[in-house]
Protein backbone atom coordinates (compact mmCIF):
# COMPACT_ATOMS: atom_id res chain seq x y z
CA UNK A 1 75.26 115.46 99.24
CA UNK A 2 76.87 112.58 101.40
CA UNK A 3 80.17 112.10 102.34
CA UNK A 4 82.17 108.54 102.69
CA UNK A 5 84.54 108.00 104.09
CA UNK A 6 87.14 104.70 103.28
CA UNK A 7 87.89 102.34 105.57
CA UNK A 8 90.48 99.88 106.37
CA UNK A 9 90.52 96.90 107.73
CA UNK A 10 94.34 95.55 108.82
CA UNK A 11 94.61 91.70 108.18
CA UNK A 12 95.08 89.40 111.01
CA UNK A 13 98.41 88.05 111.22
CA UNK A 14 100.50 86.04 113.64
CA UNK A 15 103.56 87.37 114.82
CA UNK A 16 106.79 85.32 115.20
CA UNK A 17 107.58 83.97 118.60
CA UNK A 18 111.17 84.04 119.76
CA UNK A 19 111.77 81.31 121.95
CA UNK A 20 115.58 80.97 123.77
CA UNK A 21 117.45 77.60 124.21
CA UNK A 22 117.44 74.89 121.41
CA UNK A 23 117.45 75.17 117.83
CA UNK A 24 113.97 74.63 115.84
CA UNK A 25 114.95 71.17 114.26
CA UNK A 26 115.02 69.85 117.64
CA UNK A 27 111.36 70.48 118.84
CA UNK A 28 108.63 68.48 118.56
CA UNK A 29 105.47 69.30 116.96
CA UNK A 30 103.80 68.81 120.19
CA UNK A 31 105.91 71.65 122.00
CA UNK A 32 105.85 73.78 119.19
CA UNK A 33 101.81 73.37 119.35
CA UNK A 34 102.24 73.79 123.17
CA UNK A 35 103.99 77.10 122.65
CA UNK A 36 101.46 78.34 120.47
CA UNK A 37 98.33 77.85 122.59
CA UNK A 38 99.75 78.28 125.47
CA UNK A 39 97.43 77.45 128.81
CA UNK A 40 94.45 77.97 126.80
CA UNK A 41 91.38 75.85 126.73
CA UNK A 42 92.42 74.29 123.15
CA UNK A 43 95.87 73.23 124.72
CA UNK A 44 94.27 70.89 127.41
CA UNK A 45 92.04 69.25 124.66
CA UNK A 46 94.61 68.61 122.29
CA UNK A 47 96.48 67.16 125.39
CA UNK A 48 93.54 64.69 125.64
CA UNK A 49 93.53 64.04 122.22
CA UNK A 50 97.34 63.05 122.06
CA UNK A 51 96.49 60.70 125.56
CA UNK A 52 93.36 59.43 125.23
CA UNK A 53 91.37 58.46 128.19
CA UNK A 54 92.12 54.53 129.06
CA UNK A 55 88.18 54.39 129.07
CA UNK A 56 88.11 54.54 125.47
CA UNK A 57 90.01 51.83 124.51
CA UNK A 58 86.82 49.18 124.72
CA UNK A 59 85.48 51.29 122.03
CA UNK A 60 88.18 52.65 119.37
CA UNK A 61 88.11 49.29 117.39
CA UNK A 62 84.35 49.24 116.83
CA UNK A 63 82.82 50.59 113.97
CA UNK A 64 80.39 53.03 115.48
CA UNK A 65 82.87 53.22 118.29
CA UNK A 66 83.80 56.68 118.46
CA UNK A 67 80.14 57.87 118.78
CA UNK A 68 79.78 55.57 121.52
CA UNK A 69 82.84 57.70 123.13
CA UNK A 70 81.23 61.03 122.85
CA UNK A 71 77.85 59.28 124.11
CA UNK A 72 79.46 58.19 126.93
CA UNK A 73 81.64 61.38 127.24
CA UNK A 74 78.31 63.34 127.42
CA UNK A 75 76.54 61.25 129.99
CA UNK A 76 79.35 61.65 132.02
CA UNK A 77 79.38 65.71 131.91
CA UNK A 78 75.56 65.69 132.80
CA UNK A 79 76.49 63.35 135.82
CA UNK A 80 79.16 65.97 136.86
CA UNK A 81 77.16 68.66 136.03
CA UNK A 82 74.37 67.39 138.57
CA UNK A 83 77.41 67.16 141.22
CA UNK A 84 78.57 70.54 140.67
CA UNK A 85 82.16 70.35 141.04
CA UNK A 86 83.56 73.12 138.92
CA UNK A 87 87.04 70.85 138.15
CA UNK A 88 85.18 67.86 137.09
CA UNK A 89 82.90 69.41 134.94
CA UNK A 90 86.15 71.04 132.97
CA UNK A 91 87.47 67.90 132.70
CA UNK A 92 84.77 66.24 131.48
CA UNK A 93 84.14 69.32 129.08
CA UNK A 94 87.79 68.54 127.52
CA UNK A 95 87.19 65.03 127.13
CA UNK A 96 84.32 65.61 125.30
CA UNK A 97 85.63 68.06 122.88
CA UNK A 98 88.64 65.77 122.40
CA UNK A 99 86.22 62.79 121.54
CA UNK A 100 84.20 65.13 119.04
CA UNK A 101 87.41 66.21 117.68
CA UNK A 102 88.38 62.56 117.04
CA UNK A 103 85.55 61.58 115.68
CA UNK A 104 85.05 63.82 113.42
CA UNK A 105 88.58 63.15 111.85
CA UNK A 106 87.55 59.68 111.75
CA UNK A 107 84.40 60.84 109.85
CA UNK A 108 86.23 62.64 107.17
CA UNK A 109 88.57 59.20 106.55
CA UNK A 110 85.88 57.43 105.99
């Protein structure tokens, strides 16, 4: 005879966040995103997407420009990896992640 115990999984839910000061309608989408992500790595990547590095401007208008940007960011990451500076590696990782996300968004629009 086998005894089976029923298992229950609780659904994943997001608890409401309490913001003191200002009304909900006056906050911008960026402020809401910042309060949601906090100081997480994705928040830094989203900041890079909002404020694209100046080196991307030369490639943005070209048909394969986003792939050139991804390749450029990857090469910069490998250079910083060789130097060993953790802050530079983190910066380049954030820029590479932002470039990949923007490239994916652009490809979905095609």
